[in-house]
Protein backbone atom coordinates (compact mmCIF):
# COMPACT_ATOMS: atom_id res chain seq x y z
CA MET A 1 129.73 204.21 126.30
CA PRO A 2 128.31 201.70 123.78
CA ASN A 3 126.55 202.85 120.73
CA ALA A 4 122.76 202.46 121.05
CA HIS A 5 122.44 201.73 117.36
CA SER A 6 124.85 198.76 117.43
CA SER A 7 123.02 197.33 120.42
CA ASP A 8 119.78 197.48 118.58
CA MET A 9 121.39 195.63 115.69
CA ARG A 10 122.60 192.69 117.86
CA VAL A 11 119.14 191.86 119.20
CA PRO A 12 117.62 190.82 115.86
CA ALA A 13 120.79 188.83 115.08
CA ALA A 14 120.49 186.87 118.35
CA LYS A 15 116.85 186.21 117.69
CA THR A 16 117.69 184.92 114.22
CA LEU A 17 120.42 182.62 115.60
CA LEU A 18 118.09 181.23 118.26
CA LYS A 19 115.37 180.62 115.74
CA SER A 20 117.80 178.78 113.44
CA SER A 21 118.97 176.57 116.34
CA LEU A 22 115.41 175.72 117.29
CA MET A 23 114.63 174.79 113.69
CA LEU A 24 117.67 172.50 113.50
CA ILE A 25 116.72 170.77 116.76
CA GLU A 26 113.14 170.46 115.61
CA GLU A 27 114.24 168.96 112.25
CA LYS A 28 116.52 166.48 114.05
CA TYR A 29 113.74 165.23 116.30
CA ILE A 30 111.29 165.04 113.41
CA LYS A 31 113.74 162.81 111.48
CA PHE A 32 114.24 160.65 114.58
CA PHE A 33 110.50 160.33 115.04
CA ILE A 34 109.99 159.37 111.38
CA LEU A 35 112.69 156.66 111.60
CA LEU A 36 111.13 155.34 114.78
CA VAL A 37 107.72 155.05 113.09
CA ILE A 38 109.22 153.33 110.05
CA PHE A 39 111.02 150.67 112.10
CA ALA A 40 108.18 150.13 114.57
CA SER A 41 105.29 149.93 112.08
CA PRO A 42 105.98 146.33 110.85
CA LEU A 43 105.75 145.15 114.43
CA ARG A 44 102.43 146.86 115.09
CA PHE A 45 100.69 146.83 111.73
CA PRO A 46 100.85 143.82 109.35
CA ARG A 47 101.62 144.75 105.80
CA GLN A 48 98.61 144.65 103.54
CA LEU A 49 98.65 141.85 100.95
CA TYR A 50 97.96 143.24 97.51
CA SER A 51 96.10 141.27 94.86
CA GLU A 52 99.18 140.56 92.71
CA GLU A 53 100.96 139.08 95.76
CA ALA A 54 98.10 136.74 96.77
CA PRO A 55 98.98 133.86 94.34
CA LEU A 56 102.54 133.87 95.70
CA ALA A 57 101.26 133.56 99.26
CA ARG A 58 98.96 130.70 98.33
CA HIS A 59 101.86 128.96 96.60
CA GLU A 60 103.97 129.31 99.75
CA ASN A 61 101.17 127.79 101.87
CA THR A 62 100.95 124.80 99.49
CA HIS A 63 104.53 123.86 100.29
CA LYS A 64 103.57 123.43 103.93
CA GLN A 65 101.18 120.57 103.05
CA SER A 66 102.28 117.26 104.61
CA PHE A 67 103.24 114.26 102.49
CA ILE A 68 100.33 112.36 104.06
CA SER A 69 97.70 114.77 102.75
CA LYS A 70 99.41 114.78 99.35
CA ALA A 71 99.29 110.98 99.26
CA LEU A 72 95.60 111.01 100.16
CA GLU A 73 94.86 113.52 97.42
CA LYS A 74 96.16 110.97 94.90
CA SER A 75 94.47 107.80 96.19
CA GLY A 76 92.06 108.68 99.00
CA ASN A 77 88.99 109.02 96.76
CA ALA A 78 89.53 105.48 95.44
CA VAL A 79 89.04 103.92 98.90
CA VAL A 80 85.54 102.45 99.28
CA THR A 81 83.35 100.96 101.98
CA ILE A 82 82.05 97.44 101.31
CA GLU A 83 78.83 96.47 103.07
CA THR A 84 77.76 92.84 102.93
CA GLU A 85 74.59 90.95 103.73
CA ARG A 86 74.05 87.22 103.97
CA ARG A 87 71.18 85.09 105.15
CA VAL A 88 72.21 82.77 107.96
CA LEU A 89 70.08 79.62 107.87
CA SER A 90 69.17 77.37 110.77
CA ALA A 91 70.70 73.90 110.71
CA ARG A 92 67.22 72.38 110.42
CA GLU A 93 65.70 74.85 107.97
CA GLY A 94 65.12 73.46 104.53
CA ILE A 95 65.27 69.78 105.54
CA PHE A 96 61.63 69.07 104.66
CA PRO A 97 59.90 69.69 101.33
CA PRO A 98 57.72 72.84 101.15
CA GLY A 99 54.22 72.35 102.63
CA ILE A 100 54.92 69.10 104.41
CA LEU A 101 54.90 70.81 107.81
CA ASN A 102 51.22 71.64 107.26
CA ASP A 103 50.33 67.97 106.87
CA PRO A 104 48.32 66.85 110.00
CA TYR A 105 49.59 63.26 109.69
CA PHE A 106 53.20 64.53 109.70
CA GLU A 107 52.42 66.64 112.77
CA ARG A 108 50.79 63.69 114.53
CA LEU A 109 53.85 61.53 113.83
CA PHE A 110 56.58 63.96 114.95
CA GLY A 111 54.72 66.31 117.31
CA ARG A 112 54.31 70.04 117.00
CA SER A 113 57.25 70.93 119.25
CA GLY A 114 59.65 68.96 117.11
CA LEU A 115 58.56 70.91 114.04
CA GLN A 116 59.27 74.40 115.35
CA ILE A 117 61.90 75.91 113.07
CA PRO A 118 64.03 78.87 114.26
CA GLN A 119 63.73 81.80 111.90
CA SER A 120 66.65 82.79 109.71
CA ARG A 121 68.43 86.10 110.21
CA ILE A 122 70.39 88.57 108.11
CA GLU A 123 74.04 88.90 109.05
CA ARG A 124 75.71 92.16 108.03
CA GLY A 125 79.41 92.90 107.70
CA GLN A 126 81.64 95.72 106.58
CA GLY A 127 85.10 96.11 105.14
CA SER A 128 87.15 98.32 102.85
CA GLY A 129 88.46 98.15 99.32
CA VAL A 130 90.27 100.19 96.70
CA ILE A 131 89.31 100.89 93.07
CA PHE A 132 92.29 100.10 90.84
CA SER A 133 90.75 100.19 87.36
CA GLN A 134 88.59 102.60 85.36
CA GLU A 135 86.41 99.58 84.60
CA GLY A 136 85.17 99.75 88.19
CA LEU A 137 87.24 96.88 89.58
CA VAL A 138 87.77 96.85 93.34
CA LEU A 139 90.48 94.94 95.21
CA THR A 140 89.63 93.72 98.71
CA ASN A 141 89.99 90.75 101.07
CA ALA A 142 88.29 87.43 100.39
CA HIS A 143 87.10 87.18 104.00
CA VAL A 144 85.25 90.50 103.60
CA ILE A 145 82.92 89.18 100.88
CA GLU A 146 82.94 85.46 101.73
CA LYS A 147 79.49 83.80 101.39
CA THR A 148 77.79 87.14 100.89
CA ASP A 149 74.38 87.38 99.20
CA GLN A 150 74.42 91.12 98.56
CA LEU A 151 77.20 93.66 98.12
CA THR A 152 76.89 97.44 98.40
CA VAL A 153 79.89 99.66 97.73
CA GLY A 154 80.02 103.18 99.17
CA LEU A 155 82.23 105.76 97.46
CA SER A 156 83.88 108.81 98.98
CA ASP A 157 81.57 111.14 97.03
CA GLY A 158 78.48 109.63 98.66
CA ARG A 159 77.44 107.30 95.85
CA ARG A 160 76.29 103.80 96.79
CA VAL A 161 76.33 101.14 94.07
CA SER A 162 75.83 97.40 93.91
CA GLY A 163 78.84 95.15 93.47
CA GLN A 164 79.40 91.72 91.97
CA VAL A 165 82.14 89.30 92.97
CA VAL A 166 84.42 88.61 89.99
CA GLY A 167 86.52 86.06 91.87
CA GLN A 168 88.06 85.30 95.24
CA ASP A 169 91.03 83.33 96.48
CA SER A 170 91.06 82.04 100.05
CA LEU A 171 94.74 81.04 100.00
CA THR A 172 95.84 84.66 99.63
CA ASP A 173 92.71 86.29 101.13
CA LEU A 174 92.16 88.40 98.03
CA ALA A 175 89.03 89.15 96.01
CA VAL A 176 87.98 91.34 93.07
CA ILE A 177 84.60 93.10 92.88
CA LYS A 178 83.00 94.73 89.81
CA LEU A 179 80.91 97.87 90.35
CA LYS A 180 77.52 97.48 88.63
CA ALA A 181 77.12 101.09 87.51
CA PRO A 182 78.60 103.37 84.84
CA GLY A 183 81.75 105.32 85.69
CA PRO A 184 83.94 107.27 85.65
CA TRP A 185 85.60 106.01 88.83
CA PRO A 186 88.39 107.42 90.97
CA THR A 187 91.35 105.04 90.89
CA ALA A 188 94.49 104.50 92.93
CA LYS A 189 97.86 103.86 91.34
CA LEU A 190 99.40 100.47 92.17
CA GLY A 191 103.03 100.76 93.26
CA ASN A 192 105.91 98.29 93.45
CA SER A 193 106.21 96.36 96.71
CA GLU A 194 109.58 94.96 95.61
CA SER A 195 111.13 98.43 96.05
CA LEU A 196 110.09 98.73 99.70
CA GLN A 197 112.60 98.90 102.52
CA VAL A 198 112.19 98.47 106.24
CA GLY A 199 111.68 101.92 107.73
CA ASP A 200 109.73 103.35 104.79
CA TRP A 201 106.54 105.27 105.60
CA ALA A 202 103.27 103.33 105.55
CA ILE A 203 99.80 104.95 105.42
CA ALA A 204 96.83 102.69 106.18
CA VAL A 205 93.48 103.90 104.81
CA GLY A 206 90.08 102.35 105.42
CA ASN A 207 86.80 102.46 107.29
CA PRO A 208 87.36 100.89 110.72
CA PHE A 209 84.28 100.45 112.90
CA GLY A 210 82.22 102.11 110.16
CA LEU A 211 84.20 105.36 110.43
CA GLU A 212 84.80 106.36 106.82
CA ASN A 213 88.10 107.66 105.47
CA SER A 214 90.19 106.91 108.55
CA VAL A 215 93.95 107.27 108.13
CA THR A 216 96.78 105.96 110.30
CA LEU A 217 100.53 106.39 109.88
CA GLY A 218 103.42 104.06 110.62
CA ILE A 219 106.49 102.48 109.06
CA ILE A 220 107.32 99.23 107.30
CA SER A 221 108.54 96.89 110.06
CA ASN A 222 109.15 93.71 108.04
CA LEU A 223 108.84 92.77 104.38
CA ASN A 224 108.50 88.98 104.33
CA ARG A 225 106.55 87.93 107.40
CA ASP A 226 105.56 84.28 106.97
CA VAL A 227 101.91 83.74 107.93
CA ALA A 228 102.94 80.48 109.61
CA GLN A 229 104.79 82.58 112.20
CA LEU A 230 101.42 84.14 113.06
CA GLY A 231 99.79 80.76 113.62
CA ILE A 232 97.92 80.83 110.29
CA SER A 233 98.18 77.57 108.38
CA ASP A 234 95.51 77.91 105.68
CA LYS A 235 97.08 80.85 103.79
CA ARG A 236 99.87 80.95 101.23
CA ILE A 237 101.37 84.44 101.48
CA ASP A 238 104.22 86.44 102.92
CA LEU A 239 103.02 89.68 104.47
CA ILE A 240 104.22 93.24 104.91
CA GLN A 241 104.34 94.06 108.62
CA THR A 242 103.61 97.61 109.77
CA ASP A 243 102.89 99.45 112.99
CA ALA A 244 100.26 101.62 111.27
CA ALA A 245 96.99 100.80 113.05
CA ILE A 246 94.82 98.37 111.04
CA ASN A 247 91.52 97.96 112.86
CA PRO A 248 88.41 95.84 112.18
CA GLY A 249 86.80 97.33 109.07
CA ASN A 250 90.18 98.35 107.62
CA SER A 251 90.47 94.92 105.99
CA GLY A 252 90.73 95.22 102.22
CA GLY A 253 91.77 98.87 102.29
CA PRO A 254 95.05 100.06 100.78
CA LEU A 255 98.42 100.51 102.44
CA LEU A 256 100.03 103.52 100.75
CA ASN A 257 103.60 104.72 100.46
CA SER A 258 104.61 108.36 100.90
CA SER A 259 103.86 109.01 97.20
CA GLY A 260 100.25 107.84 97.49
CA GLU A 261 100.81 104.55 95.61
CA VAL A 262 99.21 101.32 96.82
CA ILE A 263 101.93 99.01 98.15
CA GLY A 264 99.71 96.51 99.97
CA ILE A 265 96.18 95.40 100.82
CA ASN A 266 95.44 95.50 104.55
CA THR A 267 94.42 92.06 105.74
CA LEU A 268 94.70 91.56 109.51
CA VAL A 269 95.85 92.94 112.84
CA ARG A 270 97.42 90.92 115.60
CA SER A 271 95.48 90.85 118.87
CA GLY A 272 96.64 89.60 122.26
CA PRO A 273 100.43 89.38 122.73
CA GLY A 274 102.11 91.63 120.20
CA ALA A 275 98.93 93.63 119.65
CA GLY A 276 99.33 96.72 117.50
CA LEU A 277 101.04 94.96 114.60
CA GLY A 278 99.28 95.23 111.25
CA PHE A 279 99.82 93.12 108.14
CA ALA A 280 99.20 93.71 104.45
CA ILE A 281 99.44 91.59 101.29
CA PRO A 282 102.22 92.93 99.00
CA ILE A 283 100.68 94.66 96.00
CA ASN A 284 102.86 92.80 93.49
CA ARG A 285 101.36 89.52 94.68
CA ALA A 286 97.89 91.05 94.81
CA ARG A 287 98.26 92.35 91.24
CA LYS A 288 99.09 88.86 89.94
CA ILE A 289 96.22 87.22 91.84
CA ALA A 290 93.79 89.90 90.64
CA LYS A 291 94.83 89.27 87.03
CA ASP A 292 94.12 85.55 87.42
CA LEU A 293 90.74 86.22 89.04
CA ILE A 294 89.71 88.64 86.28
CA THR A 295 90.88 86.30 83.53
CA SER A 296 89.58 82.96 84.77
CA GLY A 297 87.76 83.58 88.07
CA ARG A 298 90.36 81.47 89.88
CA ALA A 299 93.91 82.16 91.04
CA LYS A 300 96.84 79.94 90.09
CA HIS A 301 99.22 78.77 92.81
CA PRO A 302 102.42 77.09 91.57
CA MET A 303 103.87 74.55 93.98
CA ILE A 304 106.45 71.74 94.06
CA GLY A 305 105.18 70.00 97.21
CA VAL A 306 107.73 70.60 99.97
CA THR A 307 107.82 71.91 103.53
CA LEU A 308 110.88 74.03 104.26
CA ALA A 309 112.87 75.40 107.19
CA SER A 310 115.75 77.86 107.42
CA ASN A 311 119.34 76.62 107.32
CA ILE A 312 121.56 78.36 109.86
CA LYS A 313 124.86 79.35 108.24
CA GLN A 314 127.94 78.69 110.40
CA LYS A 315 131.67 78.05 110.22
CA SER A 316 132.18 74.40 109.44
CA ARG A 317 134.11 72.01 107.25
CA TYR A 318 130.77 70.73 105.97
CA LEU A 319 129.38 72.48 102.89
CA SER A 320 125.81 71.97 104.12
CA GLN A 321 126.55 74.12 107.17
CA ARG A 322 128.48 76.83 105.35
CA GLU A 323 125.60 77.68 103.01
CA SER A 324 122.49 79.75 103.67
CA GLY A 325 119.37 78.26 102.20
CA ALA A 326 116.21 76.27 102.88
CA ILE A 327 116.17 72.76 104.31
CA VAL A 328 113.62 70.31 102.90
CA LYS A 329 111.71 68.95 105.91
CA TYR A 330 108.88 67.10 104.15
CA ILE A 331 107.99 66.07 100.59
CA ILE A 332 104.42 65.36 99.42
CA PRO A 333 104.30 61.97 97.65
CA ASN A 334 103.88 62.22 93.86
CA ALA A 335 104.38 65.99 93.94
CA PRO A 336 106.87 67.61 91.48
CA ALA A 337 109.62 67.68 94.17
CA ASP A 338 109.20 63.95 94.76
CA ILE A 339 109.17 63.15 91.05
CA GLY A 340 112.08 65.52 90.38
CA GLY A 341 114.41 63.81 92.87
CA LEU A 342 114.45 66.05 95.95
CA ARG A 343 114.91 64.35 99.31
CA VAL A 344 114.31 65.26 102.93
CA LYS A 345 117.34 67.08 104.43
CA ASP A 346 118.38 68.47 101.03
CA ILE A 347 119.37 72.15 101.26
CA ILE A 348 118.13 74.40 98.44
CA ILE A 349 120.82 77.03 97.88
CA ALA A 350 119.85 78.47 94.45
CA ILE A 351 116.98 78.51 91.96
CA ASP A 352 117.66 79.51 88.35
CA ASP A 353 121.09 80.80 89.42
CA LYS A 354 119.59 83.11 92.06
CA LYS A 355 120.94 82.52 95.57
CA ILE A 356 118.42 81.32 98.16
CA LEU A 357 118.81 82.73 101.68
CA SER A 358 115.58 81.56 103.31
CA PRO A 359 112.41 79.51 102.68
CA SER A 360 110.56 82.69 101.69
CA ASP A 361 112.98 83.09 98.77
CA VAL A 362 111.97 79.63 97.53
CA VAL A 363 108.27 80.43 97.84
CA LYS A 364 108.76 83.73 96.01
CA LYS A 365 110.60 82.09 93.11
CA ILE A 366 107.96 79.37 92.79
CA ASN A 367 105.14 81.93 92.87
CA GLN A 368 106.81 83.82 90.03
CA ASN A 369 106.70 80.71 87.84
CA ASP A 370 104.13 80.72 85.03
CA LEU A 371 103.44 76.95 85.27
CA ASP A 372 104.82 76.54 81.74
CA SER A 373 108.53 76.41 82.53
CA SER A 374 110.80 74.22 84.65
CA MET A 375 113.07 75.48 87.42
CA MET A 376 116.76 74.66 87.89
CA ILE A 377 117.16 73.97 91.60
CA LYS A 378 120.65 73.68 93.08
CA ILE A 379 120.86 71.63 96.28
CA VAL A 380 123.47 70.45 98.77
CA ARG A 381 123.29 66.78 99.74
CA ASP A 382 125.93 64.80 101.64
CA ASN A 383 128.38 67.69 101.33
CA ARG A 384 128.07 67.77 97.53
CA GLU A 385 126.14 70.02 95.13
CA TYR A 386 123.51 68.69 92.71
CA ILE A 387 121.13 70.18 90.14
CA ARG A 388 117.50 69.09 89.92
CA ILE A 389 115.08 70.20 87.18
CA ILE A 390 111.56 70.53 88.55
CA LYS A 391 108.40 71.90 86.93
CA PRO A 392 105.81 73.34 89.36
CA ILE A 393 102.12 72.54 89.02
CA ASP A 394 98.97 74.33 90.19
CA ILE A 395 98.14 73.39 93.76
CA TYR A 396 94.60 72.44 92.68
CA GLU A 397 96.03 69.88 90.23
CA LEU A 398 97.92 67.91 92.88
CA GLN A 399 96.75 64.30 93.05
CA LEU A 400 97.17 63.03 96.59
């Protein structure tokens, strides 16, 4: 028969063991629950951003800014709206001296109906421009300010100031305006159009249809588009072609690269067949023309007096067909090319030891001339090479 005392001793021991087991199980589940909360809390509750971490977060957000907005931060404030006014006169207004229309004898002679003069009207226009100098100089298109009587320039900060035409050049469609107010002025950095490549980003900025600070994005499609290919015969420029939208009112605004530098001045957009193509004047050419306009009020245009066409290179025993270059199609009488000994059908293959691949290369080399130095032009004629020394003259000095 079991001892009653030993039985009484086992009961507290069992209770102690059970209590210890329950505590272990409880501790295990508590740890599991704590781990679950730790891992789940980031998903349910965003971590609070403390003050010392805020600058780091702002810095990270800055890196997400697009290259377009960065480019606009550098040059966008320098883009201006140009508003023009001009008085359009009737063909018959101003024919007679003042007061003569009130003379009864004059009225009796010509009749009252024949003396009715249509009233003049004010014609308003709008374009864009870009400030490129702290002196308040604005680069734009000549056709924007042509024959204008009054110029008003609107800045991105809301200021509106009067402008004065410093000079304009119709052959390149460029003009320079001076702001008639004290600065300081926001300016855009002029880039280098010679470093452009087809496929580079192009950002067109302007005020199309009166909508200020409009931006379009595209790429450089062509670097030396001859205006003659566009059916334009009264201009003397090669253009940058882009698919960035250039709309009416964008004329004169800047074409920017991805770094925010001005690489061209928007000038026209093709309508009809091929619509959607925009064109800009290379900034290197615009910079040179602007310097001439500021210095003398008139641009200089070196020329030798020839019309050129491309020479198609091919396999042949004839030297004239194996060389790339520019074929002389026409020579202006008494022009430097005529005096210097060039002939029709000559092929220009080099100028000052630089190989010529197309007519645009010839035009570019002539435009780079300072009118004070002669050019060494290598030609192919009758399957032989010749050198001709020719000094360009200003196109306005040509005596026809």
